[in-house]
Amino acid sequence: ADFLKYGRKIIHHFCKHCGTQLFGRAADGTRMAISVAVLDDLPAEELAKAPVRLVDGIHDNFKEAPAFSAHL
């Protein structure tokens, strides 16, 4: 397979040619995150309209934003 599985929560998918992480998906199939770095043809105006949701993944708290996010 062209992905690496980390733990039981997220399955990360990588490009088999260059190794770039393309996207990740929840092991249960309920969520997906796409790396904006792989969206070559997306105009900046459209990217700016995309919804952004911050989550506290370091503490496995995906329901709330991190307490500190100024560096993001």
PDB file of N, CA and C in Angstrom:
ATOM      1  N   ALA A   1       0.848  -1.189   0.000  1.00  0.00           N
ATOM      2  CA  ALA A   1       0.000   0.000   0.000  1.00  0.00           C
ATOM      3  C   ALA A   1       0.891   1.248   0.000  1.00  0.00           C
ATOM      4  N   ASP A   2       0.339   2.359  -0.484  1.00  0.00           N
ATOM      5  CA  ASP A   2       1.126   3.595  -0.576  1.00  0.00           C
ATOM      6  C   ASP A   2       0.841   4.526   0.589  1.00  0.00           C
ATOM      7  N   PHE A   3       0.596   3.978   1.751  1.00  0.00           N
ATOM      8  CA  PHE A   3       0.371   4.807   2.930  1.00  0.00           C
ATOM      9  C   PHE A   3       1.043   4.177   4.139  1.00  0.00           C
ATOM     10  N   LEU A   4       1.243   4.996   5.132  1.00  0.00           N
ATOM     11  CA  LEU A   4       1.752   4.515   6.407  1.00  0.00           C
ATOM     12  C   LEU A   4       0.681   4.754   7.444  1.00  0.00           C
ATOM     13  N   LYS A   5       0.502   3.822   8.316  1.00  0.00           N
ATOM     14  CA  LYS A   5      -0.532   3.961   9.341  1.00  0.00           C
ATOM     15  C   LYS A   5       0.148   4.262  10.671  1.00  0.00           C
ATOM     16  N   TYR A   6      -0.281   5.343  11.308  1.00  0.00           N
ATOM     17  CA  TYR A   6       0.254   5.745  12.603  1.00  0.00           C
ATOM     18  C   TYR A   6      -0.815   5.520  13.647  1.00  0.00           C
ATOM     19  N   GLY A   7      -0.560   4.634  14.561  1.00  0.00           N
ATOM     20  CA  GLY A   7      -1.530   4.369  15.621  1.00  0.00           C
ATOM     21  C   GLY A   7      -2.809   3.810  15.037  1.00  0.00           C
ATOM     22  N   ARG A   8      -3.899   4.078  15.689  1.00  0.00           N
ATOM     23  CA  ARG A   8      -5.199   3.591  15.232  1.00  0.00           C
ATOM     24  C   ARG A   8      -6.108   4.717  14.803  1.00  0.00           C
ATOM     25  N   LYS A   9      -5.626   5.950  14.831  1.00  0.00           N
ATOM     26  CA  LYS A   9      -6.524   7.079  14.643  1.00  0.00           C
ATOM     27  C   LYS A   9      -6.479   7.691  13.254  1.00  0.00           C
ATOM     28  N   ILE A  10      -5.287   7.883  12.699  1.00  0.00           N
ATOM     29  CA  ILE A  10      -5.162   8.569  11.419  1.00  0.00           C
ATOM     30  C   ILE A  10      -4.332   7.723  10.463  1.00  0.00           C
ATOM     31  N   ILE A  11      -4.796   7.611   9.240  1.00  0.00           N
ATOM     32  CA  ILE A  11      -4.045   6.942   8.189  1.00  0.00           C
ATOM     33  C   ILE A  11      -3.517   8.040   7.276  1.00  0.00           C
ATOM     34  N   HIS A  12      -2.201   8.105   7.137  1.00  0.00           N
ATOM     35  CA  HIS A  12      -1.555   9.134   6.331  1.00  0.00           C
ATOM     36  C   HIS A  12      -1.236   8.562   4.951  1.00  0.00           C
ATOM     37  N   HIS A  13      -1.557   9.325   3.910  1.00  0.00           N
ATOM     38  CA  HIS A  13      -1.307   8.887   2.537  1.00  0.00           C
ATOM     39  C   HIS A  13      -0.201   9.745   1.934  1.00  0.00           C
ATOM     40  N   PHE A  14       0.772   9.094   1.317  1.00  0.00           N
ATOM     41  CA  PHE A  14       1.930   9.775   0.757  1.00  0.00           C
ATOM     42  C   PHE A  14       2.047   9.483  -0.737  1.00  0.00           C
ATOM     43  N   CYS A  15       2.663  10.407  -1.469  1.00  0.00           N
ATOM     44  CA  CYS A  15       2.939  10.222  -2.887  1.00  0.00           C
ATOM     45  C   CYS A  15       3.995   9.130  -3.042  1.00  0.00           C
ATOM     46  N   LYS A  16       3.734   8.148  -3.892  1.00  0.00           N
ATOM     47  CA  LYS A  16       4.692   7.058  -4.053  1.00  0.00           C
ATOM     48  C   LYS A  16       5.924   7.481  -4.856  1.00  0.00           C
ATOM     49  N   HIS A  17       5.880   8.661  -5.471  1.00  0.00           N
ATOM     50  CA  HIS A  17       7.020   9.131  -6.259  1.00  0.00           C
ATOM     51  C   HIS A  17       7.941  10.045  -5.458  1.00  0.00           C
ATOM     52  N   CYS A  18       7.369  10.993  -4.698  1.00  0.00           N
ATOM     53  CA  CYS A  18       8.220  11.983  -4.020  1.00  0.00           C
ATOM     54  C   CYS A  18       8.137  11.928  -2.495  1.00  0.00           C
ATOM     55  N   GLY A  19       7.177  11.214  -1.948  1.00  0.00           N
ATOM     56  CA  GLY A  19       7.068  11.084  -0.504  1.00  0.00           C
ATOM     57  C   GLY A  19       6.277  12.172   0.195  1.00  0.00           C
ATOM     58  N   THR A  20       5.743  13.137  -0.559  1.00  0.00           N
ATOM     59  CA  THR A  20       4.953  14.214   0.034  1.00  0.00           C
ATOM     60  C   THR A  20       3.679  13.646   0.662  1.00  0.00           C
ATOM     61  N   GLN A  21       3.347  14.136   1.860  1.00  0.00           N
ATOM     62  CA  GLN A  21       2.091  13.708   2.462  1.00  0.00           C
ATOM     63  C   GLN A  21       0.953  14.398   1.736  1.00  0.00           C
ATOM     64  N   LEU A  22       0.069  13.629   1.138  1.00  0.00           N
ATOM     65  CA  LEU A  22      -1.040  14.175   0.364  1.00  0.00           C
ATOM     66  C   LEU A  22      -2.238  14.487   1.235  1.00  0.00           C
ATOM     67  N   PHE A  23      -2.633  13.522   2.040  1.00  0.00           N
ATOM     68  CA  PHE A  23      -3.783  13.724   2.912  1.00  0.00           C
ATOM     69  C   PHE A  23      -3.765  12.686   4.010  1.00  0.00           C
ATOM     70  N   GLY A  24      -4.607  12.915   4.991  1.00  0.00           N
ATOM     71  CA  GLY A  24      -4.795  11.969   6.071  1.00  0.00           C
ATOM     72  C   GLY A  24      -6.273  11.753   6.273  1.00  0.00           C
ATOM     73  N   ARG A  25      -6.623  10.593   6.741  1.00  0.00           N
ATOM     74  CA  ARG A  25      -8.036  10.325   7.012  1.00  0.00           C
ATOM     75  C   ARG A  25      -8.174   9.554   8.305  1.00  0.00           C
ATOM     76  N   ALA A  26      -9.282   9.782   8.964  1.00  0.00           N
ATOM     77  CA  ALA A  26      -9.554   9.065  10.206  1.00  0.00           C
ATOM     78  C   ALA A  26      -9.721   7.588   9.891  1.00  0.00           C
ATOM     79  N   ALA A  27      -9.212   6.743  10.747  1.00  0.00           N
ATOM     80  CA  ALA A  27      -9.291   5.304  10.536  1.00  0.00           C
ATOM     81  C   ALA A  27     -10.737   4.832  10.396  1.00  0.00           C
ATOM     82  N   ASP A  28     -11.664   5.541  11.032  1.00  0.00           N
ATOM     83  CA  ASP A  28     -13.071   5.141  10.939  1.00  0.00           C
ATOM     84  C   ASP A  28     -13.775   5.764   9.731  1.00  0.00           C
ATOM     85  N   GLY A  29     -13.039   6.552   8.936  1.00  0.00           N
ATOM     86  CA  GLY A  29     -13.590   7.125   7.710  1.00  0.00           C
ATOM     87  C   GLY A  29     -14.458   8.351   7.890  1.00  0.00           C
ATOM     88  N   THR A  30     -14.512   8.914   9.082  1.00  0.00           N
ATOM     89  CA  THR A  30     -15.415  10.037   9.324  1.00  0.00           C
ATOM     90  C   THR A  30     -14.837  11.392   8.965  1.00  0.00           C
ATOM     91  N   ARG A  31     -13.507  11.509   8.861  1.00  0.00           N
ATOM     92  CA  ARG A  31     -12.881  12.805   8.600  1.00  0.00           C
ATOM     93  C   ARG A  31     -11.712  12.642   7.642  1.00  0.00           C
ATOM     94  N   MET A  32     -11.397  13.752   6.957  1.00  0.00           N
ATOM     95  CA  MET A  32     -10.266  13.769   6.053  1.00  0.00           C
ATOM     96  C   MET A  32      -9.637  15.149   6.082  1.00  0.00           C
ATOM     97  N   ALA A  33      -8.320  15.207   5.954  1.00  0.00           N
ATOM     98  CA  ALA A  33      -7.598  16.473   5.877  1.00  0.00           C
ATOM     99  C   ALA A  33      -6.672  16.412   4.667  1.00  0.00           C
ATOM    100  N   ILE A  34      -6.765  17.419   3.816  1.00  0.00           N
ATOM    101  CA  ILE A  34      -5.950  17.476   2.607  1.00  0.00           C
ATOM    102  C   ILE A  34      -4.872  18.526   2.793  1.00  0.00           C
ATOM    103  N   SER A  35      -3.657  18.189   2.443  1.00  0.00           N
ATOM    104  CA  SER A  35      -2.549  19.141   2.537  1.00  0.00           C
ATOM    105  C   SER A  35      -2.693  20.183   1.434  1.00  0.00           C
ATOM    106  N   VAL A  36      -2.759  21.447   1.808  1.00  0.00           N
ATOM    107  CA  VAL A  36      -2.902  22.501   0.802  1.00  0.00           C
ATOM    108  C   VAL A  36      -1.658  22.601  -0.069  1.00  0.00           C
ATOM    109  N   ALA A  37      -0.553  22.049   0.365  1.00  0.00           N
ATOM    110  CA  ALA A  37       0.680  22.079  -0.421  1.00  0.00           C
ATOM    111  C   ALA A  37       0.558  21.275  -1.714  1.00  0.00           C
ATOM    112  N   VAL A  38      -0.400  20.386  -1.801  1.00  0.00           N
ATOM    113  CA  VAL A  38      -0.550  19.568  -3.009  1.00  0.00           C
ATOM    114  C   VAL A  38      -1.594  20.123  -3.969  1.00  0.00           C
ATOM    115  N   LEU A  39      -2.212  21.240  -3.641  1.00  0.00           N
ATOM    116  CA  LEU A  39      -3.249  21.833  -4.489  1.00  0.00           C
ATOM    117  C   LEU A  39      -2.621  22.853  -5.450  1.00  0.00           C
ATOM    118  N   ASP A  40      -1.882  22.382  -6.425  1.00  0.00           N
ATOM    119  CA  ASP A  40      -1.133  23.240  -7.339  1.00  0.00           C
ATOM    120  C   ASP A  40      -1.992  24.222  -8.126  1.00  0.00           C
ATOM    121  N   ASP A  41      -3.134  23.785  -8.607  1.00  0.00           N
ATOM    122  CA  ASP A  41      -3.936  24.608  -9.510  1.00  0.00           C
ATOM    123  C   ASP A  41      -5.022  25.409  -8.815  1.00  0.00           C
ATOM    124  N   LEU A  42      -5.023  25.424  -7.513  1.00  0.00           N
ATOM    125  CA  LEU A  42      -6.042  26.157  -6.774  1.00  0.00           C
ATOM    126  C   LEU A  42      -5.653  27.631  -6.683  1.00  0.00           C
ATOM    127  N   PRO A  43      -6.476  28.526  -7.245  1.00  0.00           N
ATOM    128  CA  PRO A  43      -6.153  29.963  -7.153  1.00  0.00           C
ATOM    129  C   PRO A  43      -6.137  30.435  -5.698  1.00  0.00           C
ATOM    130  N   ALA A  44      -5.272  31.384  -5.400  1.00  0.00           N
ATOM    131  CA  ALA A  44      -5.129  31.903  -4.039  1.00  0.00           C
ATOM    132  C   ALA A  44      -6.456  32.419  -3.498  1.00  0.00           C
ATOM    133  N   GLU A  45      -7.277  33.004  -4.368  1.00  0.00           N
ATOM    134  CA  GLU A  45      -8.579  33.534  -3.933  1.00  0.00           C
ATOM    135  C   GLU A  45      -9.480  32.412  -3.418  1.00  0.00           C
ATOM    136  N   GLU A  46      -9.452  31.267  -4.089  1.00  0.00           N
ATOM    137  CA  GLU A  46     -10.266  30.128  -3.654  1.00  0.00           C
ATOM    138  C   GLU A  46      -9.713  29.529  -2.370  1.00  0.00           C
ATOM    139  N   LEU A  47      -8.393  29.458  -2.280  1.00  0.00           N
ATOM    140  CA  LEU A  47      -7.772  28.933  -1.066  1.00  0.00           C
ATOM    141  C   LEU A  47      -8.127  29.794   0.135  1.00  0.00           C
ATOM    142  N   ALA A  48      -8.149  31.099  -0.054  1.00  0.00           N
ATOM    143  CA  ALA A  48      -8.476  32.016   1.044  1.00  0.00           C
ATOM    144  C   ALA A  48      -9.907  31.832   1.534  1.00  0.00           C
ATOM    145  N   LYS A  49     -10.799  31.315   0.688  1.00  0.00           N
ATOM    146  CA  LYS A  49     -12.200  31.095   1.067  1.00  0.00           C
ATOM    147  C   LYS A  49     -12.411  29.778   1.817  1.00  0.00           C
ATOM    148  N   ALA A  50     -11.428  28.902   1.762  1.00  0.00           N
ATOM    149  CA  ALA A  50     -11.585  27.577   2.363  1.00  0.00           C
ATOM    150  C   ALA A  50     -11.735  27.683   3.874  1.00  0.00           C
ATOM    151  N   PRO A  51     -12.613  26.887   4.451  1.00  0.00           N
ATOM    152  CA  PRO A  51     -12.783  26.922   5.904  1.00  0.00           C
ATOM    153  C   PRO A  51     -11.552  26.348   6.602  1.00  0.00           C
ATOM    154  N   VAL A  52     -11.201  26.948   7.720  1.00  0.00           N
ATOM    155  CA  VAL A  52     -10.079  26.478   8.525  1.00  0.00           C
ATOM    156  C   VAL A  52     -10.606  26.172   9.913  1.00  0.00           C
ATOM    157  N   ARG A  53     -10.294  24.999  10.388  1.00  0.00           N
ATOM    158  CA  ARG A  53     -10.722  24.599  11.732  1.00  0.00           C
ATOM    159  C   ARG A  53      -9.507  24.088  12.481  1.00  0.00           C
ATOM    160  N   LEU A  54      -9.136  24.775  13.525  1.00  0.00           N
ATOM    161  CA  LEU A  54      -8.000  24.364  14.337  1.00  0.00           C
ATOM    162  C   LEU A  54      -8.467  23.384  15.398  1.00  0.00           C
ATOM    163  N   VAL A  55      -7.684  22.334  15.603  1.00  0.00           N
ATOM    164  CA  VAL A  55      -7.987  21.362  16.649  1.00  0.00           C
ATOM    165  C   VAL A  55      -6.728  21.109  17.457  1.00  0.00           C
ATOM    166  N   ASP A  56      -6.907  20.672  18.672  1.00  0.00           N
ATOM    167  CA  ASP A  56      -5.802  20.400  19.581  1.00  0.00           C
ATOM    168  C   ASP A  56      -5.384  18.940  19.430  1.00  0.00           C
ATOM    169  N   GLY A  57      -4.727  18.641  18.320  1.00  0.00           N
ATOM    170  CA  GLY A  57      -4.342  17.267  18.022  1.00  0.00           C
ATOM    171  C   GLY A  57      -3.263  16.714  18.932  1.00  0.00           C
ATOM    172  N   ILE A  58      -2.405  17.571  19.470  1.00  0.00           N
ATOM    173  CA  ILE A  58      -1.335  17.088  20.336  1.00  0.00           C
ATOM    174  C   ILE A  58      -1.892  16.427  21.596  1.00  0.00           C
ATOM    175  N   HIS A  59      -3.092  16.840  22.009  1.00  0.00           N
ATOM    176  CA  HIS A  59      -3.742  16.247  23.184  1.00  0.00           C
ATOM    177  C   HIS A  59      -4.932  15.367  22.785  1.00  0.00           C
ATOM    178  N   ASP A  60      -5.003  15.000  21.503  1.00  0.00           N
ATOM    179  CA  ASP A  60      -6.109  14.184  20.978  1.00  0.00           C
ATOM    180  C   ASP A  60      -7.470  14.798  21.286  1.00  0.00           C
ATOM    181  N   ASN A  61      -7.530  16.124  21.294  1.00  0.00           N
ATOM    182  CA  ASN A  61      -8.785  16.834  21.541  1.00  0.00           C
ATOM    183  C   ASN A  61      -9.226  17.462  20.221  1.00  0.00           C
ATOM    184  N   PHE A  62      -9.976  16.711  19.443  1.00  0.00           N
ATOM    185  CA  PHE A  62     -10.379  17.156  18.114  1.00  0.00           C
ATOM    186  C   PHE A  62     -11.713  17.895  18.120  1.00  0.00           C
ATOM    187  N   LYS A  63     -12.231  18.181  19.306  1.00  0.00           N
ATOM    188  CA  LYS A  63     -13.490  18.914  19.412  1.00  0.00           C
ATOM    189  C   LYS A  63     -13.272  20.393  19.714  1.00  0.00           C
ATOM    190  N   GLU A  64     -12.049  20.730  20.157  1.00  0.00           N
ATOM    191  CA  GLU A  64     -11.764  22.121  20.538  1.00  0.00           C
ATOM    192  C   GLU A  64     -10.480  22.597  19.906  1.00  0.00           C
ATOM    193  N   ALA A  65     -10.408  23.906  19.712  1.00  0.00           N
ATOM    194  CA  ALA A  65      -9.179  24.525  19.209  1.00  0.00           C
ATOM    195  C   ALA A  65      -8.123  24.503  20.309  1.00  0.00           C
ATOM    196  N   PRO A  66      -6.841  24.553  19.941  1.00  0.00           N
ATOM    197  CA  PRO A  66      -5.814  24.604  20.978  1.00  0.00           C
ATOM    198  C   PRO A  66      -5.908  25.906  21.769  1.00  0.00           C
ATOM    199  N   ALA A  67      -5.473  25.867  23.018  1.00  0.00           N
ATOM    200  CA  ALA A  67      -5.540  27.056  23.876  1.00  0.00           C
ATOM    201  C   ALA A  67      -4.691  28.188  23.318  1.00  0.00           C
ATOM    202  N   PHE A  68      -3.560  27.867  22.694  1.00  0.00           N
ATOM    203  CA  PHE A  68      -2.678  28.870  22.115  1.00  0.00           C
ATOM    204  C   PHE A  68      -2.489  28.542  20.632  1.00  0.00           C
ATOM    205  N   SER A  69      -2.800  29.490  19.772  1.00  0.00           N
ATOM    206  CA  SER A  69      -2.687  29.219  18.329  1.00  0.00           C
ATOM    207  C   SER A  69      -2.061  30.374  17.549  1.00  0.00           C
ATOM    208  N   ALA A  70      -1.472  31.356  18.242  1.00  0.00           N
ATOM    209  CA  ALA A  70      -0.890  32.506  17.552  1.00  0.00           C
ATOM    210  C   ALA A  70       0.215  32.091  16.573  1.00  0.00           C
ATOM    211  N   HIS A  71       0.934  31.013  16.878  1.00  0.00           N
ATOM    212  CA  HIS A  71       2.012  30.551  16.010  1.00  0.00           C
ATOM    213  C   HIS A  71       1.497  29.848  14.755  1.00  0.00           C
ATOM    214  N   LEU A  72       0.240  29.522  14.729  1.00  0.00           N
ATOM    215  CA  LEU A  72      -0.336  28.837  13.576  1.00  0.00           C
ATOM    216  C   LEU A  72      -0.738  29.827  12.529  1.00  0.00           C
TER     217      LEU A  72
END
